[in-house]
Amino acid sequence: MRGDLEFMSIPRLVRTAAARYGDREAVVEGRTRIGYEQLAARIERAAAGCLAAGVEAGDRVAVWAPNTLDWIVSALGAVTAGAVLVPVNTRLRGAEAVQVLARTRAKLLFVTGTFLGTSYVAALRRAAGGTHTAGGPSGIGGTGAASGSHRPDVPLPGLPHLREVVVLAEDAPSGFRTWKEFLAAGDAMPAWSVRARANAVSPEAPSDIIFTSGTTGEPRGVVVTHAQSLRTFGAWSDLAGLRRGDRYLIVNPFSHTFGYKAGVLACLMRGAVMVPQAVFAVDAVLAHVAAERITVLPGPPTLHQALLDHPARTAGGLSSLRLVVTGAADVDPRLVERLRDEAGIPMVLTAYGMSEATGVVTMCRRDDRAEVIAGTSGRAIPDTEVKVVGDDGKALPPGRAGEVLVRGYQVMAGYFEDPRATAEAVDVDGWLHTGDIGVLDGEGNLRITDRIKDMFVAGGFNVYPAEVERTLARHPGIAEVAVVGVPDKRLGEAGKAFVVRRRGGPAASAEELIAWARHEMAAYKVPREVEFVAVLPRNASGKVVKGGLRPSGEGQADEGRMRRQ
């Protein structure tokens, strides 16, 4: 199955996994345990429901729900019916979700009922129930009904292209259907029609549109094909060593490239057991790891740091884990060391990617030296080129910092219906301009230092906030920190650190932290100000919104690129 992944589609992958792994456990959710053949049957039934609902090949179908078995079945059912999947982040507000649905002109929506005390159905109806335009206050012109207009043949008048809303619950309000009703309607579709639609899906057809989490302006929808998804995460699975029978706790949201593709698709490729977790909660992660003997746990550094520091973690509480893959804007080398030495996890890998490159660009190898894994994001995955360029666009030698450019099969097909933005991101030679600053070493290992737009100049020296944050995070009194450049009369710009105190750590003052920093880094890098905050502002993807910390309030365009995910 590995050699021909680039010629496959996701519907074929589902059928291949069912044939290959049969009744081996596929998904565990509470007391529900289903095998690969059962999973494939459920997915085909959901695909039949999509056909019965009038979904045509190429139509957009959205899923606004947390990590659950129903998400997997509904999403893969839509893709099997030839639709283009639009995952919607559960952290979005109703108006933000409506914006995504309007821009993609989604024809069908699967939505959770009540989640974390919020009725997503009520949020939708408030945002698109006839008193809002499809674009709402964000101004998505030309995609929706006029304000106050009503269409009797659509469930949400503010979304005239949306023909059907299916609630993934036992109950649904008038005009919507329950999950059970939706599936029952599809039972009248002949099996051959579902299979014919699935067989017609081309490897080069778009498989999904995943929106970046822009902090200013509108997020952009990244279009990726079936072949790109399968080839990229076939390579990821090989390099990570994911194998049949692994028990994989999927904490990364399915609405992100990594949660869906490095989670669901990778498990389908390798016959691993999926254990979806709907909420990021450290207590629940520890419980799952122990109860299900979890062996694979990818996730952001904050998850692994919280696990290591959790008071309920016992000495052998993570002993079943054999593989951790982590990443973010930067990874503290001490975290990698603690995962290996303190928690006894034999394989800890770091990687770098972004939605525009199907989630993966570089990755460490399992036989890399400890300092390579702890200090870099590894080398380009097979058939991928990575270079670092200066302001003149010319490649820089090893050790010099510049913008990271990527070229390969995984570079996105483009931003959805936005050729201008696509041309700005991908040049005529096929190089994706990531907007990340990085350094390559002599062996091709990449270290990401920051975002271009986060860098500031202090007294003529370039300062990379991520580097400063990494150093400050070593202080025992700091749990989280974000550094931004602010105006300074003497230096032009200087750093300001926003600090979340570590619970139980030493309560250092701002002056003490600055004094400590002077011993740890060059003077021009030392923040001139420290402000203590309860939490750092984050967007719907959980990333720190530095624009909310600057005095001017100016944000960074497109913070949604997935870095070291």
Protein backbone atom coordinates (compact mmCIF):
# COMPACT_ATOMS: atom_id res chain seq x y z
CA MET A 1 0.00 0.00 0.00
CA ARG A 2 2.93 2.38 0.61
CA GLY A 3 4.40 2.40 -2.89
CA ASP A 4 1.30 3.65 -4.69
CA LEU A 5 -0.11 6.12 -2.19
CA GLU A 6 0.38 9.01 -4.60
CA PHE A 7 -2.01 7.29 -7.02
CA MET A 8 -4.71 6.74 -4.43
CA SER A 9 -7.68 8.66 -3.14
CA ILE A 10 -9.02 8.80 0.39
CA PRO A 11 -12.13 6.69 -0.50
CA ARG A 12 -9.79 3.98 -1.84
CA LEU A 13 -7.69 4.25 1.31
CA VAL A 14 -10.78 3.56 3.47
CA ARG A 15 -11.61 0.42 1.47
CA THR A 16 -7.98 -0.72 1.43
CA ALA A 17 -7.71 -0.31 5.19
CA ALA A 18 -10.89 -2.36 5.71
CA ALA A 19 -9.54 -5.17 3.50
CA ARG A 20 -6.09 -5.09 5.04
CA TYR A 21 -6.95 -4.74 8.73
CA GLY A 22 -10.40 -6.35 8.83
CA ASP A 23 -11.83 -6.59 12.33
CA ARG A 24 -8.73 -5.17 14.03
CA GLU A 25 -9.66 -2.31 16.32
CA ALA A 26 -9.92 0.99 14.45
CA VAL A 27 -11.58 3.54 16.76
CA VAL A 28 -12.11 3.59 20.50
CA GLU A 29 -14.50 6.16 21.96
CA GLY A 30 -15.57 5.47 25.51
CA ARG A 31 -17.31 2.10 25.49
CA THR A 32 -17.60 2.11 21.70
CA ARG A 33 -15.02 0.00 19.94
CA ILE A 34 -15.23 -0.68 16.22
CA GLY A 35 -12.98 -2.47 13.76
CA TYR A 36 -11.76 -1.34 10.36
CA GLU A 37 -14.46 -3.19 8.43
CA GLN A 38 -17.15 -1.63 10.66
CA LEU A 39 -15.61 1.79 10.22
CA ALA A 40 -15.60 1.45 6.43
CA ALA A 41 -19.24 0.33 6.48
CA ARG A 42 -20.23 3.35 8.56
CA ILE A 43 -18.33 5.67 6.24
CA GLU A 44 -20.07 4.22 3.16
CA ARG A 45 -23.43 4.65 4.87
CA ALA A 46 -22.60 8.30 5.54
CA ALA A 47 -21.56 8.66 1.89
CA ALA A 48 -24.94 7.25 0.87
CA GLY A 49 -26.59 9.87 3.07
CA CYS A 50 -24.60 12.57 1.26
CA LEU A 51 -25.78 11.27 -2.12
CA ALA A 52 -29.36 11.19 -0.91
CA ALA A 53 -28.96 14.81 0.27
CA GLY A 54 -27.96 15.84 -3.24
CA VAL A 55 -24.21 16.24 -2.71
CA GLU A 56 -22.39 16.25 -6.05
CA ALA A 57 -18.70 15.69 -6.74
CA GLY A 58 -16.78 18.84 -5.88
CA ASP A 59 -19.44 20.26 -3.55
CA ARG A 60 -18.12 21.56 -0.27
CA VAL A 61 -19.27 19.76 2.88
CA ALA A 62 -18.36 21.21 6.29
CA VAL A 63 -17.96 19.58 9.69
CA TRP A 64 -18.16 21.76 12.81
CA ALA A 65 -17.60 19.34 15.64
CA PRO A 66 -14.92 18.15 18.10
CA ASN A 67 -12.74 15.04 17.77
CA THR A 68 -15.24 12.16 17.82
CA LEU A 69 -16.09 8.98 15.95
CA ASP A 70 -19.00 10.86 14.34
CA TRP A 71 -16.55 13.45 12.98
CA ILE A 72 -14.47 10.71 11.37
CA VAL A 73 -17.49 8.99 9.84
CA SER A 74 -19.24 12.13 8.59
CA ALA A 75 -16.07 13.72 7.20
CA LEU A 76 -14.83 10.60 5.42
CA GLY A 77 -18.37 9.88 4.27
CA ALA A 78 -18.48 13.28 2.58
CA VAL A 79 -15.08 12.74 0.96
CA THR A 80 -16.16 9.27 -0.22
CA ALA A 81 -19.15 10.93 -1.90
CA GLY A 82 -16.69 13.08 -3.86
CA ALA A 83 -17.15 16.22 -1.77
CA VAL A 84 -14.43 18.61 -0.66
CA LEU A 85 -14.17 18.59 3.13
CA VAL A 86 -14.24 21.91 5.02
CA PRO A 87 -13.28 21.31 8.67
CA VAL A 88 -14.47 24.13 10.95
CA ASN A 89 -12.65 24.86 14.21
CA THR A 90 -14.85 24.35 17.28
CA ARG A 91 -13.29 27.42 18.87
CA LEU A 92 -14.82 29.69 16.24
CA ARG A 93 -17.82 31.81 17.17
CA GLY A 94 -21.04 31.49 15.22
CA ALA A 95 -20.33 34.49 12.98
CA GLU A 96 -16.83 33.19 12.23
CA ALA A 97 -18.17 29.75 11.33
CA VAL A 98 -20.80 31.35 9.09
CA GLN A 99 -18.01 33.24 7.35
CA VAL A 100 -16.24 29.98 6.49
CA LEU A 101 -19.49 28.38 5.30
CA ALA A 102 -20.34 31.40 3.18
CA ARG A 103 -16.93 31.73 1.55
CA THR A 104 -16.82 28.07 0.57
CA ARG A 105 -20.54 27.98 -0.35
CA ALA A 106 -20.86 24.77 1.64
CA LYS A 107 -23.83 22.69 0.56
CA LEU A 108 -24.05 20.44 3.62
CA LEU A 109 -23.00 20.95 7.23
CA PHE A 110 -22.51 18.41 10.00
CA VAL A 111 -22.59 20.19 13.34
CA THR A 112 -22.24 19.03 16.93
CA GLY A 113 -25.10 19.64 19.33
CA THR A 114 -24.03 21.11 22.66
CA PHE A 115 -20.30 21.05 23.33
CA LEU A 116 -18.60 22.50 26.42
CA GLY A 117 -21.86 24.17 27.39
CA THR A 118 -22.32 25.89 24.04
CA SER A 119 -25.15 25.14 21.62
CA TYR A 120 -23.51 25.26 18.21
CA VAL A 121 -26.92 25.01 16.55
CA ALA A 122 -28.13 28.09 18.42
CA ALA A 123 -24.93 29.94 17.51
CA LEU A 124 -25.52 29.14 13.84
CA ARG A 125 -29.12 30.25 13.92
CA ARG A 126 -28.20 33.53 15.61
CA ALA A 127 -25.48 34.24 13.05
CA ALA A 128 -27.26 33.11 9.88
CA GLY A 129 -30.94 32.83 10.72
CA GLY A 130 -32.12 35.57 8.39
CA THR A 131 -31.06 38.75 10.15
CA HIS A 132 -27.45 38.59 8.95
CA THR A 133 -25.92 38.56 5.53
CA ALA A 134 -23.80 35.56 4.68
CA GLY A 135 -20.71 37.67 5.07
CA GLY A 136 -21.88 39.46 8.19
CA PRO A 137 -19.81 42.35 9.43
CA SER A 138 -16.66 40.94 7.82
CA GLY A 139 -17.97 41.92 4.39
CA ILE A 140 -17.87 38.74 2.34
CA GLY A 141 -19.51 40.34 -0.66
CA GLY A 142 -21.48 38.42 -3.21
CA THR A 143 -21.72 35.11 -1.42
CA GLY A 144 -24.99 35.28 0.44
CA ALA A 145 -28.51 36.53 0.65
CA ALA A 146 -29.33 40.15 1.25
CA SER A 147 -29.79 41.16 4.85
CA GLY A 148 -33.18 40.12 6.17
CA SER A 149 -34.07 38.00 3.14
CA HIS A 150 -35.66 34.60 3.67
CA ARG A 151 -35.48 31.48 1.56
CA PRO A 152 -38.02 28.79 2.55
CA ASP A 153 -35.96 26.04 0.90
CA VAL A 154 -32.79 26.51 2.98
CA PRO A 155 -32.30 25.86 6.71
CA LEU A 156 -30.41 29.12 7.33
CA PRO A 157 -31.54 32.10 5.22
CA GLY A 158 -28.22 33.84 5.74
CA LEU A 159 -26.49 30.92 3.99
CA PRO A 160 -28.45 30.38 0.77
CA HIS A 161 -26.04 27.75 -0.59
CA LEU A 162 -26.37 25.57 2.50
CA ARG A 163 -29.07 23.02 1.63
CA GLU A 164 -28.83 20.73 4.64
CA VAL A 165 -27.74 20.90 8.28
CA VAL A 166 -27.27 17.62 10.12
CA VAL A 167 -26.94 17.71 13.90
CA LEU A 168 -24.63 15.03 15.28
CA ALA A 169 -26.99 14.37 18.17
CA GLU A 170 -30.26 12.65 19.08
CA ASP A 171 -32.33 15.83 18.68
CA ALA A 172 -32.43 18.62 16.11
CA PRO A 173 -34.56 21.76 15.76
CA SER A 174 -37.11 22.24 13.03
CA GLY A 175 -35.50 22.51 9.60
CA PHE A 176 -32.45 20.49 10.64
CA ARG A 177 -32.00 16.72 10.66
CA THR A 178 -30.51 14.40 13.24
CA TRP A 179 -27.56 12.19 12.41
CA LYS A 180 -29.83 9.14 12.65
CA GLU A 181 -32.36 10.63 10.23
CA PHE A 182 -29.62 11.58 7.79
CA LEU A 183 -28.17 8.06 7.76
CA ALA A 184 -31.60 6.47 7.40
CA ALA A 185 -32.34 8.62 4.34
CA GLY A 186 -29.23 7.24 2.68
CA ASP A 187 -30.28 3.63 3.12
CA ALA A 188 -32.44 3.93 -0.01
CA MET A 189 -29.36 4.64 -2.16
CA PRO A 190 -28.08 1.54 -4.02
CA ALA A 191 -24.62 0.43 -2.95
CA TRP A 192 -23.35 0.56 -6.51
CA SER A 193 -24.07 4.30 -6.72
CA VAL A 194 -21.96 4.99 -3.64
CA ARG A 195 -19.14 2.83 -4.93
CA ALA A 196 -19.29 4.47 -8.37
CA ARG A 197 -19.03 7.94 -6.84
CA ALA A 198 -16.09 6.85 -4.66
CA ASN A 199 -14.30 5.24 -7.62
CA ALA A 200 -14.66 8.43 -9.65
CA VAL A 201 -12.62 10.49 -7.17
CA SER A 202 -9.33 11.39 -8.81
CA PRO A 203 -6.05 11.57 -6.88
CA GLU A 204 -5.67 15.12 -8.21
CA ALA A 205 -9.12 16.21 -7.05
CA PRO A 206 -9.29 18.61 -4.08
CA SER A 207 -9.78 16.66 -0.87
CA ASP A 208 -10.17 19.49 1.64
CA ILE A 209 -10.04 23.21 2.33
CA ILE A 210 -8.43 23.99 5.67
CA PHE A 211 -8.50 27.59 6.82
CA THR A 212 -5.47 29.29 8.27
CA SER A 213 -6.10 31.10 11.52
CA GLY A 214 -5.36 34.65 10.39
CA THR A 215 -5.21 37.22 13.16
CA THR A 216 -5.93 40.17 10.90
CA GLY A 217 -8.07 40.19 7.80
CA GLU A 218 -9.82 37.06 6.62
CA PRO A 219 -8.32 33.59 7.07
CA ARG A 220 -7.42 31.85 3.82
CA GLY A 221 -8.65 28.45 2.70
CA VAL A 222 -5.80 26.12 1.75
CA VAL A 223 -6.78 23.65 -0.98
CA VAL A 224 -4.99 20.29 -0.97
CA THR A 225 -5.56 17.23 -3.16
CA HIS A 226 -6.08 13.57 -2.26
CA ALA A 227 -2.67 12.62 -3.66
CA GLN A 228 -0.90 15.35 -1.71
CA SER A 229 -2.53 14.34 1.55
CA LEU A 230 -1.79 10.64 1.16
CA ARG A 231 1.75 10.98 -0.12
CA THR A 232 2.70 13.51 2.56
CA PHE A 233 1.35 11.51 5.47
CA GLY A 234 2.59 8.25 4.03
CA ALA A 235 6.05 9.82 4.30
CA TRP A 236 5.28 11.15 7.77
CA SER A 237 4.16 7.71 8.94
CA ASP A 238 7.32 6.10 7.56
CA LEU A 239 9.63 8.60 9.22
CA ALA A 240 7.76 8.51 12.53
CA GLY A 241 7.64 4.72 12.51
CA LEU A 242 3.86 4.51 12.97
CA ARG A 243 2.88 0.86 12.78
CA ARG A 244 0.01 -1.59 12.89
CA GLY A 245 -1.49 -1.92 16.34
CA ASP A 246 -0.18 1.39 17.66
CA ARG A 247 -2.68 3.04 19.95
CA TYR A 248 -2.82 6.69 18.94
CA LEU A 249 -4.39 9.34 21.17
CA ILE A 250 -5.50 12.12 18.80
CA VAL A 251 -5.58 15.36 20.78
CA ASN A 252 -4.76 17.73 17.92
CA PRO A 253 -8.10 19.02 16.58
CA PHE A 254 -9.48 17.30 13.50
CA SER A 255 -10.15 20.79 12.13
CA HIS A 256 -6.38 21.19 11.68
CA THR A 257 -4.23 19.50 9.07
CA PHE A 258 -2.26 17.65 11.70
CA GLY A 259 -5.14 16.27 13.73
CA TYR A 260 -7.02 15.03 10.67
CA LYS A 261 -4.17 13.85 8.46
CA ALA A 262 -1.35 12.86 10.81
CA GLY A 263 -4.11 11.38 12.96
CA VAL A 264 -7.00 9.83 11.02
CA LEU A 265 -5.37 9.34 7.61
CA ALA A 266 -2.06 8.09 9.02
CA CYS A 267 -3.88 5.54 11.21
CA LEU A 268 -5.87 4.31 8.21
CA MET A 269 -2.62 3.83 6.31
CA ARG A 270 -0.88 1.90 9.06
CA GLY A 271 -3.68 0.10 10.87
CA ALA A 272 -3.22 2.00 14.14
CA VAL A 273 -6.01 2.39 16.68
CA MET A 274 -7.55 5.87 16.82
CA VAL A 275 -8.51 7.19 20.25
CA PRO A 276 -9.99 10.64 19.62
CA GLN A 277 -10.06 13.11 22.50
CA ALA A 278 -12.59 15.91 22.15
CA VAL A 279 -11.14 18.34 24.71
CA PHE A 280 -7.60 19.40 25.48
CA ALA A 281 -7.48 18.42 29.15
CA VAL A 282 -4.34 17.05 30.77
CA ASP A 283 -6.30 14.93 33.27
CA ALA A 284 -8.14 13.25 30.38
CA VAL A 285 -4.89 12.65 28.48
CA LEU A 286 -3.33 10.95 31.50
CA ALA A 287 -6.45 8.83 31.98
CA HIS A 288 -6.53 7.80 28.32
CA VAL A 289 -2.84 6.94 28.25
CA ALA A 290 -3.26 4.67 31.26
CA ALA A 291 -6.60 3.07 30.35
CA GLU A 292 -5.88 2.47 26.67
CA ARG A 293 -2.13 1.86 26.92
CA ILE A 294 -1.51 4.64 24.42
CA THR A 295 1.73 4.26 22.45
CA VAL A 296 1.64 7.34 20.17
CA LEU A 297 0.95 10.90 21.32
CA PRO A 298 1.73 13.75 18.92
CA GLY A 299 0.90 17.22 20.18
CA PRO A 300 2.14 20.74 20.81
CA PRO A 301 4.88 21.38 23.37
CA THR A 302 2.34 22.85 25.79
CA LEU A 303 0.58 19.48 26.02
CA HIS A 304 3.74 17.55 26.79
CA GLN A 305 5.01 20.18 29.22
CA ALA A 306 1.68 20.05 31.07
CA LEU A 307 1.84 16.25 31.21
CA LEU A 308 5.33 16.25 32.68
CA ASP A 309 4.42 18.89 35.28
CA HIS A 310 1.02 17.48 36.24
CA PRO A 311 0.88 16.59 39.95
CA ALA A 312 -1.17 13.46 39.24
CA ARG A 313 1.46 11.94 36.94
CA THR A 314 3.07 8.93 38.51
CA ALA A 315 6.59 7.72 37.81
CA GLY A 316 5.34 5.14 35.31
CA GLY A 317 2.26 7.04 34.16
CA LEU A 318 3.57 7.51 30.63
CA SER A 319 5.40 4.20 30.35
CA SER A 320 3.23 2.87 27.53
CA LEU A 321 4.27 5.73 25.20
CA ARG A 322 6.90 4.85 22.63
CA LEU A 323 6.52 7.76 20.19
CA VAL A 324 5.98 11.49 20.66
CA VAL A 325 6.08 13.98 17.80
CA THR A 326 6.01 17.60 18.83
CA GLY A 327 6.48 21.08 17.44
CA ALA A 328 5.46 24.74 17.48
CA ALA A 329 7.16 28.06 16.76
CA ASP A 330 10.01 26.71 18.86
CA VAL A 331 10.65 23.71 21.05
CA ASP A 332 12.66 23.98 24.24
CA PRO A 333 15.44 21.35 24.03
CA ARG A 334 14.89 20.65 27.72
CA LEU A 335 11.39 19.42 26.93
CA VAL A 336 12.75 16.83 24.52
CA GLU A 337 15.30 15.75 27.11
CA ARG A 338 12.66 15.45 29.84
CA LEU A 339 10.35 13.38 27.63
CA ARG A 340 13.18 10.96 26.91
CA ASP A 341 14.96 10.86 30.25
CA GLU A 342 12.29 11.67 32.82
CA ALA A 343 9.25 10.04 31.19
CA GLY A 344 11.25 7.26 29.54
CA ILE A 345 9.74 7.74 26.06
CA PRO A 346 12.17 6.06 23.65
CA MET A 347 11.29 8.04 20.52
CA VAL A 348 10.75 11.81 20.60
CA LEU A 349 10.78 13.59 17.24
CA THR A 350 10.37 17.19 16.15
CA ALA A 351 9.02 18.38 12.83
CA TYR A 352 8.10 21.53 10.91
CA GLY A 353 5.17 22.18 8.62
CA MET A 354 2.29 24.43 7.69
CA SER A 355 -1.13 24.09 6.11
CA GLU A 356 0.18 25.51 2.82
CA ALA A 357 2.61 22.58 2.61
CA THR A 358 0.07 19.89 3.58
CA GLY A 359 1.34 19.97 7.14
CA VAL A 360 4.87 18.57 6.79
CA VAL A 361 8.11 20.05 5.41
CA THR A 362 10.96 18.75 7.55
CA MET A 363 11.22 16.03 10.15
CA CYS A 364 13.83 14.42 12.34
CA ARG A 365 14.77 10.81 11.70
CA ARG A 366 14.59 8.14 14.35
CA ASP A 367 18.35 7.57 14.31
CA ASP A 368 19.25 11.26 14.60
CA ARG A 369 21.53 12.38 17.36
CA ALA A 370 19.85 13.71 20.47
CA GLU A 371 21.10 17.25 19.85
CA VAL A 372 19.62 17.25 16.33
CA ILE A 373 16.20 16.18 17.60
CA ALA A 374 16.29 18.64 20.49
CA GLY A 375 17.71 21.58 18.56
CA THR A 376 16.22 21.39 15.07
CA SER A 377 13.14 20.39 13.11
CA GLY A 378 15.10 17.87 11.09
CA ARG A 379 15.65 17.63 7.35
CA ALA A 380 13.33 17.91 4.37
CA ILE A 381 11.10 14.88 3.90
CA PRO A 382 11.74 12.88 0.69
CA ASP A 383 11.23 14.66 -2.63
CA THR A 384 11.09 18.05 -0.94
CA GLU A 385 13.45 21.00 -1.31
CA VAL A 386 14.11 23.55 1.43
CA LYS A 387 16.28 26.64 1.18
CA VAL A 388 16.89 29.76 3.24
CA VAL A 389 17.12 33.05 1.33
CA GLY A 390 18.12 36.61 2.09
CA ASP A 391 16.29 39.81 1.26
CA ASP A 392 17.59 39.58 -2.32
CA GLY A 393 16.02 36.14 -2.78
CA LYS A 394 19.39 34.39 -3.07
CA ALA A 395 20.13 31.22 -1.11
CA LEU A 396 22.14 31.75 2.06
CA PRO A 397 24.92 29.44 3.28
CA PRO A 398 24.47 27.19 6.34
CA GLY A 399 24.31 29.11 9.60
CA ARG A 400 22.76 32.27 8.11
CA ALA A 401 19.19 33.21 9.02
CA GLY A 402 16.69 34.07 6.31
CA GLU A 403 13.24 33.25 4.98
CA VAL A 404 12.44 29.55 4.57
CA LEU A 405 11.27 28.52 1.08
CA VAL A 406 9.79 25.11 0.26
CA ARG A 407 9.25 23.31 -3.03
CA GLY A 408 7.75 19.87 -3.46
CA TYR A 409 4.69 17.76 -4.18
CA GLN A 410 3.01 18.87 -0.95
CA VAL A 411 2.87 22.61 -1.75
CA MET A 412 -0.81 23.51 -1.81
CA ALA A 413 -2.90 23.61 -4.94
CA GLY A 414 -3.67 27.20 -3.90
CA TYR A 415 -5.82 29.37 -1.69
CA PHE A 416 -9.50 28.78 -2.36
CA GLU A 417 -10.71 31.15 -5.09
CA ASP A 418 -7.87 33.58 -4.35
CA PRO A 419 -5.35 33.48 -7.20
CA ARG A 420 -3.75 36.75 -6.15
CA ALA A 421 -2.90 35.51 -2.65
CA THR A 422 -1.74 32.20 -4.15
CA ALA A 423 0.65 33.99 -6.51
CA GLU A 424 2.03 36.00 -3.59
CA ALA A 425 2.71 32.82 -1.61
CA VAL A 426 4.00 30.52 -4.36
CA ASP A 427 6.36 32.00 -6.96
CA VAL A 428 6.62 31.08 -10.63
CA ASP A 429 9.30 28.49 -9.89
CA GLY A 430 7.04 26.67 -7.43
CA TRP A 431 8.71 27.87 -4.23
CA LEU A 432 6.37 28.45 -1.29
CA HIS A 433 7.44 31.53 0.66
CA THR A 434 6.66 30.51 4.23
CA GLY A 435 7.17 33.81 6.03
CA ASP A 436 9.24 31.91 8.62
CA ILE A 437 12.81 32.77 9.49
CA GLY A 438 15.11 29.78 9.76
CA VAL A 439 18.68 28.52 9.71
CA LEU A 440 19.99 25.41 7.97
CA ASP A 441 23.02 23.57 9.32
CA GLY A 442 25.61 21.78 7.22
CA GLU A 443 23.55 18.56 7.21
CA GLY A 444 20.37 20.27 6.05
CA ASN A 445 18.67 20.32 9.45
CA LEU A 446 16.35 23.30 9.82
CA ARG A 447 15.94 25.44 12.91
CA ILE A 448 13.04 27.90 12.87
CA THR A 449 13.88 31.09 14.68
CA ASP A 450 10.78 33.24 14.15
CA ARG A 451 8.22 34.77 11.82
CA ILE A 452 9.47 37.53 9.51
CA LYS A 453 6.79 39.91 10.72
CA ASP A 454 7.55 39.22 14.39
CA MET A 455 11.21 40.21 14.08
CA PHE A 456 12.16 43.70 15.26
CA VAL A 457 15.35 45.77 15.12
CA ALA A 458 16.89 47.01 18.39
CA GLY A 459 19.80 49.40 18.00
CA GLY A 460 20.54 48.09 14.53
CA PHE A 461 20.45 44.40 15.55
CA ASN A 462 17.80 41.93 14.43
CA VAL A 463 15.93 40.44 17.38
CA TYR A 464 13.97 37.23 16.97
CA PRO A 465 11.26 37.06 19.69
CA ALA A 466 11.07 33.28 19.62
CA GLU A 467 14.74 33.05 20.58
CA VAL A 468 14.21 35.46 23.48
CA GLU A 469 11.08 33.58 24.57
CA ARG A 470 12.95 30.30 24.50
CA THR A 471 15.58 31.71 26.84
CA LEU A 472 13.12 33.39 29.20
CA ALA A 473 11.09 30.18 29.44
CA ARG A 474 14.04 28.60 31.24
CA HIS A 475 13.36 30.79 34.27
CA PRO A 476 11.62 28.68 36.94
CA GLY A 477 9.05 31.40 37.62
CA ILE A 478 7.75 31.59 34.02
CA ALA A 479 5.04 29.31 32.67
CA GLU A 480 4.51 31.10 29.35
CA VAL A 481 5.96 34.18 27.73
CA ALA A 482 5.43 36.24 24.58
CA VAL A 483 7.82 38.95 23.43
CA VAL A 484 6.98 41.78 21.03
CA GLY A 485 8.84 44.80 19.75
CA VAL A 486 7.65 48.17 21.06
CA PRO A 487 8.88 51.72 20.28
CA ASP A 488 11.98 52.82 22.19
CA LYS A 489 13.48 56.33 22.02
CA ARG A 490 17.08 55.14 22.26
CA LEU A 491 17.04 51.85 20.34
CA GLY A 492 14.20 52.50 17.93
CA GLU A 493 12.56 49.30 19.11
CA ALA A 494 13.01 47.16 22.19
CA GLY A 495 11.48 43.98 23.54
CA LYS A 496 8.56 43.81 25.89
CA ALA A 497 7.80 40.47 27.57
CA PHE A 498 4.31 39.42 28.60
CA VAL A 499 4.71 36.75 31.26
CA VAL A 500 2.36 34.17 32.74
CA ARG A 501 3.73 33.10 36.11
CA ARG A 502 4.39 29.44 36.79
CA ARG A 503 2.14 28.09 39.51
CA GLY A 504 4.29 27.16 42.48
CA GLY A 505 7.36 28.84 40.99
CA PRO A 506 9.37 31.69 42.50
CA ALA A 507 7.50 35.00 42.32
CA ALA A 508 10.21 37.09 40.64
CA SER A 509 9.53 40.76 39.97
CA ALA A 510 9.88 42.41 36.57
CA GLU A 511 13.21 43.91 37.61
CA GLU A 512 14.51 40.52 38.77
CA LEU A 513 13.51 38.86 35.50
CA ILE A 514 15.24 41.56 33.46
CA ALA A 515 18.35 41.23 35.60
CA TRP A 516 18.28 37.44 35.16
CA ALA A 517 17.89 37.86 31.39
CA ARG A 518 21.00 40.06 31.22
CA HIS A 519 23.06 37.09 32.36
CA GLU A 520 21.51 34.79 29.74
CA MET A 521 21.53 36.78 26.48
CA ALA A 522 23.09 39.68 24.63
CA ALA A 523 22.06 43.09 25.93
CA TYR A 524 20.16 44.10 22.78
CA LYS A 525 17.92 41.00 23.14
CA VAL A 526 16.98 41.67 26.77
CA PRO A 527 13.39 42.96 27.14
CA ARG A 528 13.21 46.47 28.54
CA GLU A 529 9.76 45.87 30.00
CA VAL A 530 7.97 42.94 31.63
CA GLU A 531 4.22 42.81 32.13
CA PHE A 532 2.58 39.99 34.08
CA VAL A 533 -0.68 38.66 32.64
CA ALA A 534 -3.10 35.89 33.65
CA VAL A 535 -3.24 34.44 30.13
CA LEU A 536 -1.84 35.21 26.70
CA PRO A 537 -4.36 36.18 23.99
CA ARG A 538 -4.90 33.34 21.53
CA ASN A 539 -6.81 32.87 18.30
CA ALA A 540 -9.19 30.04 17.43
CA SER A 541 -6.25 27.74 16.73
CA GLY A 542 -4.75 28.35 20.15
CA LYS A 543 -1.82 30.41 18.85
CA VAL A 544 -0.69 33.54 20.65
CA VAL A 545 -2.01 36.67 18.94
CA LYS A 546 0.85 39.11 19.33
CA GLY A 547 -1.12 41.88 17.69
CA GLY A 548 -3.26 41.93 20.83
CA LEU A 549 -0.15 42.64 22.90
CA ARG A 550 1.26 45.55 20.91
CA PRO A 551 0.31 49.09 21.93
CA SER A 552 -0.87 49.85 18.40
CA GLY A 553 -2.99 46.71 18.25
CA GLU A 554 -1.51 45.88 14.88
CA GLY A 555 -1.63 42.12 14.31
CA GLN A 556 0.33 39.82 12.09
CA ALA A 557 -1.21 38.71 8.86
CA ASP A 558 -1.76 34.98 8.61
CA GLU A 559 -0.53 33.53 11.89
CA GLY A 560 -2.30 30.36 10.75
CA ARG A 561 0.69 28.69 9.21
CA MET A 562 1.34 25.48 11.10
CA ARG A 563 4.90 25.57 12.26
CA ARG A 564 6.62 22.48 13.61
CA GLN A 565 3.28 20.78 14.02
